Amino acid sequence: MRTNYVLEVHGIVCSHGDRRVIGGLSFSVPERSLVCLLGPSGCGKTTVLRAIAGFHPLDEGNIKLAGRVVSEPGYTLAPEQRRVGMVFQDRALFPHLKVNDNVAFGLRKRHAATDRIFVDELLERVGLSTMSDRYPHELSGGQQQRVALARALAPKPDLLLMDEPFSNLDVELRERLGYEVRDILKDQGMTSVLVTHDQQDAFALSDKVGVMYDGRIEQWGTPYNLYHQPSNRFVADFIGEGVFLSGRLLDKATVEIELGAVQGRANYHWDPGTVLDVLIRPDDIIPDANGAMMAQVVRKAFKGAEILYTLRLDSGTEVLSLFPSHANHDIGERVGIRLQADHLVVFPRDA
């Protein structure tokens, strides 16, 4: 079956003055997909979003929306002709308009009765039906962001672009709102591109994620694959938490580190004896009161259902480990641990 792509980005190059910020970047977004460009500040992700929206010209390559070229060198279709909606970091609501008027502002056909029914339906879908007569300053940050989402959805765009939409919210709210927004977009059958530096936002909202660095996509995949099968050291270090430990390849599927021998799920192509860097995640080390290996608690961070411990091994190496929250150990206390690594992430020392 042929895949219908709402967005196709082919080898685009973008510059700010004499400085190239995007170099030959490509990806495609099938209809009804929610994808994310994830990366540190300055990697070029917002420039890509602006180019898709029509606010930044291309030096090379092209951008297609629903199969139609909308950007290429020397040609940029106007943003208002692209059928693209946008949700911004600062929400950009009109402070003098009530919620329902903010949402209705994006509607082009001014049929008051029809528009009012449609706006009411949208506010119902985003959980704000009882707040239509309030002004933005009377709403919480999460409620304002849902108004901004409803306003962007009102014209029924082919593609929704979101630029760091949750970055001004507290951690607990942004996680909950991320899942709420995902449900709303899936319910609407919307195709969307999110850009963010926060992996929790990316994982909560997206089907696929492209990890960006220095103007290019380092890896494109599901959140699960990015976490468990990073393609290079940058992605491994950027996604999740963990530390690299020195290891040595014993055979094609076994690596030895100071925590013991670890069996990988793949046959490695390096020769036995190759020195490796092995990524050990916090969930690879589990508490074991009867374990033969002991470690000292150096730091702890309470995370609700779990506590993230920084543990110092007898060699002086520090690792991270997640314990259930009822396993509350003091700084300096020695605890029993064991290694339980199901997905081994390794790179040659000289890579």
Protein backbone atom coordinates (compact mmCIF):
# COMPACT_ATOMS: atom_id res chain seq x y z
CA MET A 1 0.00 0.00 0.00
CA ARG A 2 1.28 3.45 -0.95
CA THR A 3 2.12 5.73 1.99
CA ASN A 4 0.60 9.20 1.82
CA TYR A 5 3.02 11.79 3.12
CA VAL A 6 1.69 15.11 4.40
CA LEU A 7 5.23 16.50 4.70
CA GLU A 8 8.39 15.65 2.73
CA VAL A 9 11.68 17.39 3.49
CA HIS A 10 14.38 16.62 0.92
CA GLY A 11 18.03 17.55 1.50
CA ILE A 12 17.35 21.05 2.78
CA VAL A 13 20.15 23.48 3.53
CA CYS A 14 19.45 26.67 5.52
CA SER A 15 21.71 29.50 6.62
CA HIS A 16 21.65 32.47 8.97
CA GLY A 17 23.75 35.02 7.12
CA ASP A 18 27.05 33.33 6.23
CA ARG A 19 26.57 30.54 8.79
CA ARG A 20 25.06 27.26 7.62
CA VAL A 21 22.74 25.88 10.32
CA ILE A 22 21.00 23.05 8.43
CA GLY A 23 23.03 20.80 6.17
CA GLY A 24 21.28 18.35 3.85
CA LEU A 25 18.45 17.32 6.19
CA SER A 26 15.69 14.93 5.02
CA PHE A 27 12.65 13.26 6.57
CA SER A 28 9.04 12.47 5.71
CA VAL A 29 5.88 12.48 7.80
CA PRO A 30 2.98 10.14 6.89
CA GLU A 31 -0.57 11.39 7.40
CA ARG A 32 -1.95 11.09 10.94
CA SER A 33 1.59 10.76 12.35
CA LEU A 34 2.99 12.71 15.29
CA VAL A 35 6.73 13.23 14.97
CA CYS A 36 9.34 15.24 16.82
CA LEU A 37 12.67 16.87 16.11
CA LEU A 38 14.58 16.56 19.38
CA GLY A 39 17.93 18.12 20.14
CA PRO A 40 19.95 20.55 22.24
CA SER A 41 19.67 24.31 21.88
CA GLY A 42 21.35 25.56 18.73
CA CYS A 43 21.07 22.30 16.76
CA GLY A 44 18.82 23.91 14.12
CA LYS A 45 15.46 22.32 14.93
CA THR A 46 13.53 25.62 15.14
CA THR A 47 15.03 26.73 11.83
CA VAL A 48 13.67 23.54 10.24
CA LEU A 49 10.22 24.28 11.68
CA ARG A 50 10.34 27.86 10.39
CA ALA A 51 11.33 26.58 6.94
CA ILE A 52 8.36 24.18 6.93
CA ALA A 53 6.05 27.03 7.95
CA GLY A 54 7.42 29.27 5.18
CA PHE A 55 9.26 31.75 7.38
CA HIS A 56 12.82 30.76 6.35
CA PRO A 57 14.13 30.33 2.78
CA LEU A 58 16.09 27.31 1.52
CA ASP A 59 19.60 27.39 0.07
CA GLU A 60 19.24 23.85 -1.29
CA GLY A 61 16.67 21.05 -1.36
CA ASN A 62 12.91 21.33 -1.23
CA ILE A 63 9.89 20.95 1.04
CA LYS A 64 6.62 19.40 -0.11
CA LEU A 65 3.22 19.59 1.59
CA ALA A 66 0.68 17.02 0.33
CA GLY A 67 2.96 16.38 -2.67
CA ARG A 68 3.22 20.04 -3.67
CA VAL A 69 6.55 21.88 -3.57
CA VAL A 70 6.13 24.84 -1.22
CA SER A 71 9.81 25.74 -0.70
CA GLU A 72 12.92 25.49 -2.86
CA PRO A 73 15.81 27.84 -3.64
CA GLY A 74 14.33 31.05 -5.04
CA TYR A 75 10.73 30.15 -4.18
CA THR A 76 8.83 30.19 -0.87
CA LEU A 77 5.05 29.84 -0.81
CA ALA A 78 3.55 32.33 1.66
CA PRO A 79 2.87 30.88 5.14
CA GLU A 80 -0.85 31.73 4.99
CA GLN A 81 -1.24 29.63 1.83
CA ARG A 82 0.27 26.44 3.29
CA ARG A 83 -2.64 25.20 5.44
CA VAL A 84 -0.27 24.85 8.37
CA GLY A 85 -1.21 25.57 11.98
CA MET A 86 1.29 26.62 14.64
CA VAL A 87 1.44 26.41 18.43
CA PHE A 88 4.18 28.55 19.98
CA GLN A 89 6.13 28.38 23.21
CA ASP A 90 4.59 31.61 24.53
CA ARG A 91 1.05 30.62 23.34
CA ALA A 92 0.55 34.12 21.79
CA LEU A 93 -3.08 34.44 22.86
CA PHE A 94 -4.87 37.78 22.48
CA PRO A 95 -5.25 39.09 26.05
CA HIS A 96 -8.26 41.29 25.20
CA LEU A 97 -10.27 38.40 23.66
CA LYS A 98 -12.17 35.75 25.55
CA VAL A 99 -11.31 32.09 25.07
CA ASN A 100 -14.00 31.45 22.46
CA ASP A 101 -13.00 34.54 20.47
CA ASN A 102 -9.33 33.52 20.59
CA VAL A 103 -10.24 30.15 19.11
CA ALA A 104 -12.59 31.66 16.50
CA PHE A 105 -9.95 34.19 15.39
CA GLY A 106 -8.28 31.68 13.07
CA LEU A 107 -11.48 30.88 11.15
CA ARG A 108 -11.54 32.48 7.73
CA LYS A 109 -15.20 32.04 6.86
CA ARG A 110 -17.14 34.31 9.17
CA HIS A 111 -20.49 32.55 9.63
CA ALA A 112 -21.21 33.51 13.22
CA ALA A 113 -23.68 30.75 14.13
CA THR A 114 -21.73 27.95 12.43
CA ASP A 115 -18.43 29.21 13.81
CA ARG A 116 -19.81 29.36 17.35
CA ILE A 117 -21.00 25.74 17.20
CA PHE A 118 -17.64 24.60 15.82
CA VAL A 119 -15.68 26.57 18.46
CA ASP A 120 -17.84 25.08 21.21
CA GLU A 121 -17.09 21.60 19.87
CA LEU A 122 -13.35 22.31 19.83
CA LEU A 123 -13.38 23.65 23.39
CA GLU A 124 -15.26 20.53 24.46
CA ARG A 125 -12.56 18.34 22.91
CA VAL A 126 -9.75 20.19 24.71
CA GLY A 127 -11.63 20.15 28.03
CA LEU A 128 -12.39 23.87 28.24
CA SER A 129 -16.11 24.02 27.45
CA THR A 130 -16.90 25.71 30.79
CA MET A 131 -14.26 28.42 30.29
CA SER A 132 -15.26 29.89 26.95
CA ASP A 133 -16.14 33.30 28.46
CA ARG A 134 -12.91 33.71 30.42
CA TYR A 135 -9.94 35.81 29.41
CA PRO A 136 -6.45 34.25 29.01
CA HIS A 137 -5.15 35.79 32.27
CA GLU A 138 -7.90 33.94 34.15
CA LEU A 139 -6.56 30.55 32.99
CA SER A 140 -3.67 28.39 34.16
CA GLY A 141 -0.65 27.81 31.92
CA GLY A 142 -1.91 24.39 30.86
CA GLN A 143 -5.36 25.77 30.05
CA GLN A 144 -3.84 28.58 27.99
CA GLN A 145 -1.82 26.04 26.02
CA ARG A 146 -4.97 24.06 25.25
CA VAL A 147 -6.65 27.27 24.02
CA ALA A 148 -3.65 27.84 21.73
CA LEU A 149 -3.99 24.26 20.47
CA ALA A 150 -7.72 24.71 19.80
CA ARG A 151 -7.04 27.98 17.93
CA ALA A 152 -4.44 26.24 15.74
CA LEU A 153 -6.82 23.35 15.02
CA ALA A 154 -9.82 25.61 14.20
CA PRO A 155 -8.93 26.23 10.51
CA LYS A 156 -8.47 22.43 10.08
CA PRO A 157 -4.85 22.62 8.89
CA ASP A 158 -3.20 19.79 6.97
CA LEU A 159 -0.20 19.98 9.30
CA LEU A 160 0.28 21.25 12.85
CA LEU A 161 3.69 22.62 13.92
CA MET A 162 4.54 22.99 17.61
CA ASP A 163 7.58 24.92 18.81
CA GLU A 164 8.55 23.99 22.40
CA PRO A 165 4.87 24.20 23.43
CA PHE A 166 5.33 22.97 27.00
CA SER A 167 8.64 24.56 27.98
CA ASN A 168 7.08 27.28 30.15
CA LEU A 169 5.11 24.76 32.23
CA ASP A 170 6.17 22.92 35.37
CA VAL A 171 7.41 19.33 35.03
CA GLU A 172 4.30 17.55 36.31
CA LEU A 173 1.91 19.64 34.20
CA ARG A 174 3.93 19.36 30.99
CA GLU A 175 4.01 15.56 31.20
CA ARG A 176 0.26 15.32 31.77
CA LEU A 177 -0.51 17.91 29.08
CA GLY A 178 1.75 16.10 26.62
CA TYR A 179 -0.38 12.96 26.87
CA GLU A 180 -3.59 15.02 26.72
CA VAL A 181 -2.43 16.81 23.55
CA ARG A 182 -1.44 13.49 21.97
CA ASP A 183 -4.93 12.09 22.63
CA ILE A 184 -6.54 15.22 21.14
CA LEU A 185 -4.39 15.12 18.00
CA LYS A 186 -4.96 11.40 17.50
CA ASP A 187 -8.69 11.92 17.97
CA GLN A 188 -8.62 14.66 15.30
CA GLY A 189 -6.54 12.55 12.90
CA MET A 190 -3.98 15.36 12.86
CA THR A 191 -0.47 15.20 11.40
CA SER A 192 2.01 17.10 13.55
CA VAL A 193 5.67 18.05 13.92
CA LEU A 194 6.97 19.04 17.35
CA VAL A 195 10.37 20.55 18.07
CA THR A 196 11.76 20.42 21.59
CA HIS A 197 14.93 19.99 23.61
CA ASP A 198 13.09 17.92 26.23
CA GLN A 199 13.00 14.18 25.62
CA GLN A 200 10.07 13.64 27.99
CA ASP A 201 7.94 15.99 25.85
CA ALA A 202 9.12 14.16 22.73
CA PHE A 203 8.38 10.70 24.12
CA ALA A 204 4.97 11.66 25.53
CA LEU A 205 3.71 13.08 22.24
CA SER A 206 5.45 11.40 19.34
CA ASP A 207 5.24 8.23 17.28
CA LYS A 208 8.70 8.84 15.80
CA VAL A 209 11.56 11.08 16.92
CA GLY A 210 14.49 12.50 14.98
CA VAL A 211 17.45 13.31 17.22
CA MET A 212 19.23 16.37 15.82
CA TYR A 213 22.76 17.63 16.28
CA ASP A 214 24.59 20.37 14.38
CA GLY A 215 21.98 20.76 11.66
CA ARG A 216 21.43 17.10 10.83
CA ILE A 217 19.41 14.15 12.06
CA GLU A 218 21.62 11.64 13.86
CA GLN A 219 18.91 8.98 14.25
CA TRP A 220 15.24 8.61 13.38
CA GLY A 221 13.16 6.05 15.24
CA THR A 222 10.64 5.22 17.93
CA PRO A 223 11.35 6.42 21.48
CA TYR A 224 11.91 2.77 22.48
CA ASN A 225 14.55 2.21 19.79
CA LEU A 226 16.32 5.49 20.49
CA TYR A 227 16.65 4.54 24.16
CA HIS A 228 17.64 0.89 23.70
CA GLN A 229 19.38 0.98 20.31
CA PRO A 230 21.11 4.35 19.88
CA SER A 231 23.04 4.51 16.61
CA ASN A 232 25.99 6.51 17.93
CA ARG A 233 27.55 7.90 21.07
CA PHE A 234 25.80 11.27 20.86
CA VAL A 235 22.32 9.72 20.76
CA ALA A 236 23.25 7.29 23.55
CA ASP A 237 24.43 10.14 25.74
CA PHE A 238 21.57 12.52 24.89
CA ILE A 239 18.68 10.08 25.34
CA GLY A 240 17.96 8.95 28.89
CA GLU A 241 20.52 8.77 31.66
CA GLY A 242 23.50 6.50 32.17
CA VAL A 243 27.26 6.21 32.40
CA PHE A 244 29.86 4.61 30.14
CA LEU A 245 31.94 1.87 31.74
CA SER A 246 35.07 0.35 30.26
CA GLY A 247 34.58 -3.16 28.93
CA ARG A 248 36.22 -5.90 26.89
CA LEU A 249 34.66 -8.14 24.30
CA LEU A 250 34.96 -11.79 25.40
CA ASP A 251 33.21 -13.32 22.39
CA LYS A 252 30.80 -12.23 19.68
CA ALA A 253 27.94 -11.72 22.15
CA THR A 254 29.53 -11.22 25.58
CA VAL A 255 31.14 -8.15 27.10
CA GLU A 256 32.97 -8.07 30.42
CA ILE A 257 32.78 -4.98 32.65
CA GLU A 258 33.65 -4.54 36.31
CA LEU A 259 30.06 -5.39 37.25
CA GLY A 260 30.40 -8.77 35.52
CA ALA A 261 29.97 -10.42 32.13
CA VAL A 262 26.99 -9.17 30.13
CA GLN A 263 25.28 -11.04 27.31
CA GLY A 264 24.16 -8.84 24.43
CA ARG A 265 21.28 -9.50 22.05
CA ALA A 266 23.39 -9.19 18.90
CA ASN A 267 26.59 -10.64 17.53
CA TYR A 268 29.26 -7.93 17.57
CA HIS A 269 31.56 -7.66 14.57
CA TRP A 270 34.65 -6.67 16.55
CA ASP A 271 37.41 -9.11 17.47
CA PRO A 272 37.48 -10.67 20.96
CA GLY A 273 39.62 -8.55 23.26
CA THR A 274 38.41 -5.26 21.73
CA VAL A 275 38.19 -2.52 24.36
CA LEU A 276 34.69 -1.07 24.49
CA ASP A 277 32.68 1.65 26.21
CA VAL A 278 29.49 0.11 27.62
CA LEU A 279 26.46 2.28 28.41
CA ILE A 280 24.85 1.27 31.70
CA ARG A 281 21.42 2.81 32.33
CA PRO A 282 19.88 3.29 35.79
CA ASP A 283 17.43 0.46 35.09
CA ASP A 284 20.33 -1.92 34.28
CA ILE A 285 21.41 -1.98 37.94
CA ILE A 286 18.83 -3.25 40.41
CA PRO A 287 18.86 -3.58 44.21
CA ASP A 288 19.71 -6.99 45.60
CA ALA A 289 20.00 -7.28 49.38
CA ASN A 290 21.71 -10.67 48.94
CA GLY A 291 23.89 -9.59 46.06
CA ALA A 292 27.61 -10.20 46.11
CA MET A 293 28.37 -6.68 44.88
CA MET A 294 28.14 -3.71 47.21
CA ALA A 295 28.15 0.02 46.45
CA GLN A 296 28.02 3.22 48.50
CA VAL A 297 25.24 5.77 48.14
CA VAL A 298 26.73 9.09 46.96
CA ARG A 299 23.61 11.03 45.92
CA LYS A 300 19.88 10.41 45.74
CA ALA A 301 16.99 12.01 43.89
CA PHE A 302 13.43 11.19 44.90
CA LYS A 303 11.20 10.70 41.81
CA GLY A 304 7.94 9.60 43.36
CA ALA A 305 7.60 5.88 42.66
CA GLU A 306 11.38 5.53 42.40
CA ILE A 307 14.59 6.95 43.84
CA LEU A 308 17.52 7.58 41.52
CA TYR A 309 20.73 6.74 43.37
CA THR A 310 24.28 7.61 42.38
CA LEU A 311 26.34 4.71 43.66
CA ARG A 312 30.12 4.42 44.04
CA LEU A 313 31.62 1.02 43.37
CA ASP A 314 34.68 -0.20 45.31
CA SER A 315 36.85 0.76 42.33
CA GLY A 316 35.67 4.38 42.68
CA THR A 317 33.50 4.23 39.53
CA GLU A 318 30.10 5.88 39.93
CA VAL A 319 26.94 4.45 38.38
CA LEU A 320 23.22 5.26 38.47
CA SER A 321 20.51 2.95 39.74
CA LEU A 322 16.72 3.15 40.18
CA PHE A 323 15.35 1.71 43.44
CA PRO A 324 11.68 1.47 44.46
CA SER A 325 10.79 4.53 46.54
CA HIS A 326 10.31 2.47 49.71
CA ALA A 327 14.00 1.49 49.52
CA ASN A 328 15.10 4.71 51.20
CA HIS A 329 18.85 4.58 51.90
CA ASP A 330 21.01 7.26 53.50
CA ILE A 331 23.98 8.98 51.91
CA GLY A 332 27.07 6.93 52.74
CA GLU A 333 25.12 3.72 53.28
CA ARG A 334 26.29 0.58 51.47
CA VAL A 335 23.71 -1.32 49.44
CA GLY A 336 23.66 -4.62 47.59
CA ILE A 337 23.19 -4.50 43.81
CA ARG A 338 23.35 -6.70 40.74
CA LEU A 339 23.51 -6.11 37.01
CA GLN A 340 20.44 -6.89 34.89
CA ALA A 341 21.06 -5.43 31.47
CA ASP A 342 18.67 -6.66 28.77
CA HIS A 343 19.72 -4.22 26.04
CA LEU A 344 23.47 -3.76 25.76
CA VAL A 345 24.70 -0.52 24.17
CA VAL A 346 28.40 -0.61 23.29
CA PHE A 347 30.83 1.44 21.23
CA PRO A 348 34.51 0.81 20.47
CA ARG A 349 36.78 2.91 22.64
CA ASP A 350 38.29 4.70 19.62
CA ALA A 351 34.91 5.45 17.96
